[in-house]
Amino acid sequence: MRYLSLDWIEAVAAEAAESSAVADAAAVCPIGVTQVVTNAPDGTVIYSMQTTDGSFTFSAGQAFPEDVRFEQTWETAVAVATGSLNAQEAFIQGRILLTGDQQKLMDSQVVFSALGPIFDSVRERTEYT
């Protein structure tokens, strides 16, 4: 499946739904994060993750409510997803634009840590062209 396609989004959502670590993190960290990726092969891609009242959603479209938004180009998104560019370096270089509640983002690291193994698993079946 191609990176950021609907199939990819659905694969991440399905694996996250089966993860007790994601469920546990969602129970303690409510946050809505929107990702905007420009210049993708099919145009701009918008997808989101939402944790609310202990539930986790990963889907196409914008988070509501949206606490944090990341914007980046396809090139940057692929580089970060494949590990050829560190996300922190991409922020420092201005390749990822972050808007919204940065403190809430920092307070929600348990959610992102729980998602790490999900993204690792899906990466094995993903094409980045």
Protein backbone atom coordinates (compact mmCIF):
# COMPACT_ATOMS: atom_id res chain seq x y z
CA MET A 1 0.00 0.00 0.00
CA ARG A 2 1.20 3.50 -0.69
CA TYR A 3 2.14 5.83 2.12
CA LEU A 4 -0.72 8.15 3.14
CA SER A 5 -3.26 6.36 0.93
CA LEU A 6 -6.66 5.46 2.38
CA ASP A 7 -5.43 1.86 2.63
CA TRP A 8 -2.46 3.04 4.69
CA ILE A 9 -4.67 5.15 6.97
CA GLU A 10 -7.02 2.19 7.45
CA ALA A 11 -4.10 -0.15 8.23
CA VAL A 12 -2.79 2.19 10.93
CA ALA A 13 -6.30 2.60 12.35
CA ALA A 14 -6.90 -1.16 12.44
CA GLU A 15 -3.63 -1.94 14.22
CA ALA A 16 -4.12 0.92 16.67
CA ALA A 17 -7.61 -0.38 17.48
CA GLU A 18 -6.05 -3.68 18.58
CA SER A 19 -3.37 -2.09 20.77
CA SER A 20 -3.85 -2.01 24.53
CA ALA A 21 -0.97 0.49 24.78
CA VAL A 22 -2.82 2.90 22.47
CA ALA A 23 -6.06 2.42 24.41
CA ASP A 24 -4.28 3.06 27.72
CA ALA A 25 -2.63 6.22 26.34
CA ALA A 26 -5.92 7.47 24.88
CA ALA A 27 -7.51 7.13 28.32
CA VAL A 28 -5.10 9.63 29.88
CA CYS A 29 -4.21 12.03 27.03
CA PRO A 30 -7.01 13.72 25.11
CA ILE A 31 -5.61 15.37 21.96
CA GLY A 32 -6.54 16.05 18.36
CA VAL A 33 -3.73 16.17 15.81
CA THR A 34 -4.09 17.03 12.13
CA GLN A 35 -1.38 16.20 9.61
CA VAL A 36 -1.30 18.09 6.30
CA VAL A 37 1.05 16.78 3.62
CA THR A 38 1.40 18.87 0.49
CA ASN A 39 2.74 17.86 -2.93
CA ALA A 40 1.81 14.19 -2.43
CA PRO A 41 1.36 12.12 -5.60
CA ASP A 42 -2.42 12.66 -5.42
CA GLY A 43 -2.27 16.24 -4.12
CA THR A 44 -2.62 17.43 -0.54
CA VAL A 45 -3.37 14.71 2.04
CA ILE A 46 -5.02 15.51 5.36
CA TYR A 47 -5.34 12.90 8.07
CA SER A 48 -5.72 12.97 11.82
CA MET A 49 -5.62 11.19 15.12
CA GLN A 50 -7.98 11.91 17.96
CA THR A 51 -8.06 10.66 21.52
CA THR A 52 -11.25 11.46 23.40
CA ASP A 53 -12.70 9.86 26.52
CA GLY A 54 -10.41 6.86 26.19
CA SER A 55 -11.08 6.20 22.52
CA PHE A 56 -8.58 6.52 19.68
CA THR A 57 -9.43 7.43 16.08
CA PHE A 58 -7.04 7.59 13.13
CA SER A 59 -8.72 8.74 9.92
CA ALA A 60 -8.67 10.84 6.78
CA GLY A 61 -9.60 14.47 7.35
CA GLN A 62 -9.02 17.04 10.03
CA ALA A 63 -9.15 16.41 13.78
CA PHE A 64 -12.03 17.96 15.67
CA PRO A 65 -11.30 19.50 17.98
CA GLU A 66 -7.86 20.18 16.60
CA ASP A 67 -5.23 20.92 19.23
CA VAL A 68 -2.15 20.63 17.02
CA ARG A 69 -1.48 20.79 13.29
CA PHE A 70 1.61 19.65 11.42
CA GLU A 71 2.22 20.78 7.83
CA GLN A 72 4.97 19.43 5.62
CA THR A 73 5.73 18.44 2.05
CA TRP A 74 5.52 14.89 0.73
CA GLU A 75 9.33 14.80 0.52
CA THR A 76 9.69 15.67 4.20
CA ALA A 77 6.92 13.29 5.31
CA VAL A 78 8.52 10.38 3.44
CA ALA A 79 11.97 11.20 4.79
CA VAL A 80 10.69 11.25 8.38
CA ALA A 81 8.55 8.13 7.92
CA THR A 82 11.44 6.13 6.48
CA GLY A 83 13.96 7.36 9.04
CA SER A 84 16.21 9.21 6.63
CA LEU A 85 15.34 12.48 8.39
CA ASN A 86 14.86 12.87 12.12
CA ALA A 87 11.55 14.61 12.93
CA GLN A 88 13.22 16.92 15.43
CA GLU A 89 15.77 17.99 12.81
CA ALA A 90 12.93 18.60 10.34
CA PHE A 91 11.29 20.98 12.87
CA ILE A 92 14.54 22.79 13.51
CA GLN A 93 15.16 23.16 9.76
CA GLY A 94 11.64 24.56 9.29
CA ARG A 95 10.56 21.63 7.12
CA ILE A 96 7.65 20.83 9.43
CA LEU A 97 5.36 23.65 10.50
CA LEU A 98 3.76 23.12 13.89
CA THR A 99 0.79 25.21 14.99
CA GLY A 100 -1.48 24.88 17.97
CA ASP A 101 -1.00 23.92 21.61
CA GLN A 102 2.63 22.87 21.87
CA GLN A 103 2.33 22.13 25.59
CA LYS A 104 -0.55 19.74 24.96
CA LEU A 105 1.58 18.04 22.33
CA MET A 106 4.44 17.63 24.81
CA ASP A 107 2.04 16.34 27.46
CA SER A 108 0.75 13.69 25.04
CA GLN A 109 4.02 11.92 24.30
CA VAL A 110 2.63 8.70 25.80
CA VAL A 111 0.20 8.55 22.84
CA PHE A 112 2.98 8.95 20.28
CA SER A 113 5.13 6.39 22.08
CA ALA A 114 2.26 3.90 21.98
CA LEU A 115 1.84 4.52 18.25
CA GLY A 116 5.53 3.89 17.48
CA PRO A 117 5.19 0.09 17.17
CA ILE A 118 2.05 0.53 15.05
CA PHE A 119 3.87 2.73 12.54
CA ASP A 120 6.84 0.35 12.57
CA SER A 121 4.57 -2.57 11.71
CA VAL A 122 2.69 -0.75 8.95
CA ARG A 123 5.97 0.60 7.51
CA GLU A 124 6.98 -2.95 6.59
CA ARG A 125 4.05 -3.11 4.13
CA THR A 126 4.25 0.45 2.83
CA GLU A 127 5.56 1.80 -0.48
CA TYR A 128 6.94 5.34 -0.46
CA THR A 129 6.80 6.23 -4.16
